[in-house]
Amino acid sequence: MHIKYFTDTDTTLVEFSEKPPVETRELNENVYIDLDSEGRVVSLTIEHARQAASMEDFSYQRIPALTPAL
């Protein structure tokens, strides 16, 4: 996964896959998803990202799976 923020357009692109998109769907006036030929999401675009997604502060946290008690 790659996350790119373009300061000149205040746009964030979240890439989930390297597959080429074949369709773009608008979720609202600032959020778009790109789908591959199998209908899977390959990327997410957020326009006006600083307002919509608070891009000034970004963090990532991996949560380990819970192991069942024996």
N, C-alpha and C. Protein backbone atom coordinates (compact mmCIF):
# COMPACT_ATOMS: atom_id res chain seq x y z
N MET A 1 0.85 -1.17 0.00
CA MET A 1 0.00 0.00 0.00
C MET A 1 0.90 1.23 0.00
N HIS A 2 0.48 2.22 -0.78
CA HIS A 2 1.21 3.49 -0.86
C HIS A 2 0.22 4.63 -0.63
N ILE A 3 0.67 5.63 0.10
CA ILE A 3 -0.14 6.83 0.31
C ILE A 3 0.68 8.01 -0.18
N LYS A 4 0.09 8.77 -1.10
CA LYS A 4 0.76 9.94 -1.66
C LYS A 4 -0.09 11.17 -1.40
N TYR A 5 0.56 12.23 -0.95
CA TYR A 5 -0.13 13.49 -0.74
C TYR A 5 0.48 14.53 -1.68
N PHE A 6 -0.35 15.13 -2.51
CA PHE A 6 0.08 16.13 -3.48
C PHE A 6 -0.27 17.51 -2.94
N THR A 7 0.75 18.24 -2.47
CA THR A 7 0.50 19.54 -1.83
C THR A 7 -0.06 20.56 -2.80
N ASP A 8 0.34 20.49 -4.07
CA ASP A 8 -0.12 21.49 -5.03
C ASP A 8 -1.62 21.41 -5.31
N THR A 9 -2.21 20.22 -5.16
CA THR A 9 -3.65 20.07 -5.39
C THR A 9 -4.41 19.70 -4.13
N ASP A 10 -3.71 19.54 -3.01
CA ASP A 10 -4.30 19.12 -1.73
C ASP A 10 -5.11 17.83 -1.93
N THR A 11 -4.47 16.86 -2.58
CA THR A 11 -5.12 15.59 -2.90
C THR A 11 -4.30 14.44 -2.33
N THR A 12 -5.00 13.47 -1.75
CA THR A 12 -4.35 12.26 -1.24
C THR A 12 -4.77 11.08 -2.10
N LEU A 13 -3.80 10.26 -2.45
CA LEU A 13 -4.05 9.04 -3.21
C LEU A 13 -3.58 7.86 -2.38
N VAL A 14 -4.48 6.96 -2.07
CA VAL A 14 -4.16 5.74 -1.33
C VAL A 14 -4.24 4.59 -2.32
N GLU A 15 -3.09 3.96 -2.60
CA GLU A 15 -3.03 2.86 -3.55
C GLU A 15 -2.98 1.53 -2.80
N PHE A 16 -3.97 0.68 -3.03
CA PHE A 16 -4.05 -0.61 -2.37
C PHE A 16 -3.47 -1.73 -3.22
N SER A 17 -3.39 -1.51 -4.52
CA SER A 17 -2.97 -2.55 -5.45
C SER A 17 -2.29 -1.89 -6.65
N GLU A 18 -1.46 -2.65 -7.34
CA GLU A 18 -0.81 -2.14 -8.54
C GLU A 18 -1.62 -2.47 -9.80
N LYS A 19 -2.77 -3.14 -9.63
CA LYS A 19 -3.61 -3.46 -10.77
C LYS A 19 -4.15 -2.16 -11.38
N PRO A 20 -4.31 -2.14 -12.69
CA PRO A 20 -4.81 -0.92 -13.32
C PRO A 20 -6.31 -0.74 -13.07
N PRO A 21 -6.73 0.47 -12.79
CA PRO A 21 -8.16 0.72 -12.61
C PRO A 21 -8.88 0.72 -13.96
N VAL A 22 -10.11 0.24 -13.94
CA VAL A 22 -10.94 0.26 -15.15
C VAL A 22 -12.20 1.08 -14.95
N GLU A 23 -12.48 1.45 -13.71
CA GLU A 23 -13.67 2.24 -13.41
C GLU A 23 -13.43 3.11 -12.18
N THR A 24 -13.95 4.32 -12.21
CA THR A 24 -13.89 5.22 -11.07
C THR A 24 -15.31 5.52 -10.62
N ARG A 25 -15.53 5.44 -9.31
CA ARG A 25 -16.84 5.76 -8.74
C ARG A 25 -16.69 6.91 -7.75
N GLU A 26 -17.63 7.83 -7.82
CA GLU A 26 -17.64 8.96 -6.92
C GLU A 26 -18.46 8.59 -5.69
N LEU A 27 -17.83 8.65 -4.51
CA LEU A 27 -18.55 8.39 -3.26
C LEU A 27 -19.23 9.66 -2.76
N ASN A 28 -18.55 10.79 -2.91
CA ASN A 28 -19.13 12.11 -2.68
C ASN A 28 -18.30 13.09 -3.49
N GLU A 29 -18.52 14.38 -3.32
CA GLU A 29 -17.84 15.35 -4.19
C GLU A 29 -16.33 15.41 -4.00
N ASN A 30 -15.79 14.78 -2.94
CA ASN A 30 -14.36 14.81 -2.67
C ASN A 30 -13.69 13.45 -2.61
N VAL A 31 -14.44 12.37 -2.68
CA VAL A 31 -13.87 11.04 -2.50
C VAL A 31 -14.25 10.14 -3.68
N TYR A 32 -13.23 9.51 -4.27
CA TYR A 32 -13.42 8.64 -5.42
C TYR A 32 -12.70 7.31 -5.17
N ILE A 33 -13.27 6.22 -5.66
CA ILE A 33 -12.60 4.93 -5.61
C ILE A 33 -12.38 4.43 -7.03
N ASP A 34 -11.26 3.79 -7.24
CA ASP A 34 -10.95 3.16 -8.51
C ASP A 34 -11.06 1.65 -8.34
N LEU A 35 -11.71 1.01 -9.30
CA LEU A 35 -11.91 -0.44 -9.26
C LEU A 35 -11.16 -1.11 -10.39
N ASP A 36 -10.71 -2.36 -10.14
CA ASP A 36 -10.07 -3.13 -11.19
C ASP A 36 -11.13 -3.89 -11.99
N SER A 37 -10.70 -4.72 -12.90
CA SER A 37 -11.63 -5.44 -13.78
C SER A 37 -12.49 -6.46 -13.03
N GLU A 38 -12.10 -6.80 -11.80
CA GLU A 38 -12.87 -7.74 -10.99
C GLU A 38 -13.74 -7.02 -9.95
N GLY A 39 -13.77 -5.69 -10.00
CA GLY A 39 -14.59 -4.92 -9.08
C GLY A 39 -13.96 -4.67 -7.73
N ARG A 40 -12.67 -4.96 -7.60
CA ARG A 40 -11.97 -4.74 -6.34
C ARG A 40 -11.39 -3.32 -6.30
N VAL A 41 -11.38 -2.73 -5.11
CA VAL A 41 -10.84 -1.38 -4.95
C VAL A 41 -9.32 -1.42 -5.10
N VAL A 42 -8.80 -0.59 -6.00
CA VAL A 42 -7.35 -0.52 -6.18
C VAL A 42 -6.78 0.79 -5.64
N SER A 43 -7.62 1.84 -5.57
CA SER A 43 -7.14 3.10 -5.00
C SER A 43 -8.31 3.96 -4.54
N LEU A 44 -7.96 4.93 -3.70
CA LEU A 44 -8.91 5.87 -3.12
C LEU A 44 -8.31 7.25 -3.26
N THR A 45 -9.07 8.19 -3.80
CA THR A 45 -8.61 9.57 -3.95
C THR A 45 -9.45 10.47 -3.07
N ILE A 46 -8.77 11.33 -2.31
CA ILE A 46 -9.45 12.30 -1.45
C ILE A 46 -9.02 13.69 -1.88
N GLU A 47 -9.94 14.46 -2.41
CA GLU A 47 -9.66 15.84 -2.78
C GLU A 47 -9.94 16.73 -1.57
N HIS A 48 -9.27 17.89 -1.53
CA HIS A 48 -9.36 18.79 -0.37
C HIS A 48 -9.02 18.00 0.90
N ALA A 49 -7.94 17.26 0.82
CA ALA A 49 -7.58 16.28 1.84
C ALA A 49 -7.29 16.90 3.20
N ARG A 50 -6.72 18.07 3.26
CA ARG A 50 -6.42 18.67 4.56
C ARG A 50 -7.69 18.91 5.35
N GLN A 51 -8.76 19.31 4.69
CA GLN A 51 -10.03 19.54 5.36
C GLN A 51 -10.75 18.22 5.62
N ALA A 52 -10.77 17.34 4.63
CA ALA A 52 -11.56 16.11 4.70
C ALA A 52 -10.92 15.04 5.57
N ALA A 53 -9.59 14.99 5.61
CA ALA A 53 -8.93 13.86 6.26
C ALA A 53 -7.83 14.26 7.23
N SER A 54 -7.70 15.51 7.55
CA SER A 54 -6.69 15.97 8.50
C SER A 54 -5.30 15.40 8.17
N MET A 55 -4.81 15.70 6.98
CA MET A 55 -3.55 15.14 6.50
C MET A 55 -2.32 15.72 7.19
N GLU A 56 -2.47 16.70 8.03
CA GLU A 56 -1.33 17.24 8.76
C GLU A 56 -0.77 16.23 9.75
N ASP A 57 -1.62 15.33 10.25
CA ASP A 57 -1.21 14.35 11.24
C ASP A 57 -1.67 12.97 10.77
N PHE A 58 -0.73 12.17 10.33
CA PHE A 58 -1.05 10.85 9.80
C PHE A 58 -0.26 9.81 10.58
N SER A 59 -0.92 8.73 10.98
CA SER A 59 -0.21 7.64 11.65
C SER A 59 -0.73 6.31 11.15
N TYR A 60 0.08 5.30 11.33
CA TYR A 60 -0.25 3.94 10.90
C TYR A 60 0.07 3.02 12.07
N GLN A 61 -0.84 2.13 12.38
CA GLN A 61 -0.62 1.20 13.47
C GLN A 61 -1.07 -0.19 13.04
N ARG A 62 -0.19 -1.15 13.17
CA ARG A 62 -0.53 -2.54 12.86
C ARG A 62 -0.96 -3.21 14.15
N ILE A 63 -2.16 -3.79 14.16
CA ILE A 63 -2.71 -4.44 15.34
C ILE A 63 -2.55 -5.96 15.16
N PRO A 64 -1.82 -6.63 16.04
CA PRO A 64 -1.64 -8.07 15.90
C PRO A 64 -2.96 -8.81 16.16
N ALA A 65 -3.10 -9.95 15.52
CA ALA A 65 -4.29 -10.79 15.73
C ALA A 65 -4.27 -11.34 17.15
N LEU A 66 -5.46 -11.46 17.70
CA LEU A 66 -5.56 -12.03 19.03
C LEU A 66 -5.38 -13.54 18.93
N THR A 67 -4.60 -14.11 19.85
CA THR A 67 -4.44 -15.56 19.86
C THR A 67 -5.41 -16.14 20.87
N PRO A 68 -6.06 -17.22 20.52
CA PRO A 68 -7.03 -17.81 21.45
C PRO A 68 -6.33 -18.37 22.69
N ALA A 69 -6.99 -18.21 23.84
CA ALA A 69 -6.45 -18.74 25.09
C ALA A 69 -6.58 -20.26 25.08
N LEU A 70 -5.56 -20.93 25.60
CA LEU A 70 -5.60 -22.40 25.67
C LEU A 70 -6.06 -22.90 27.00
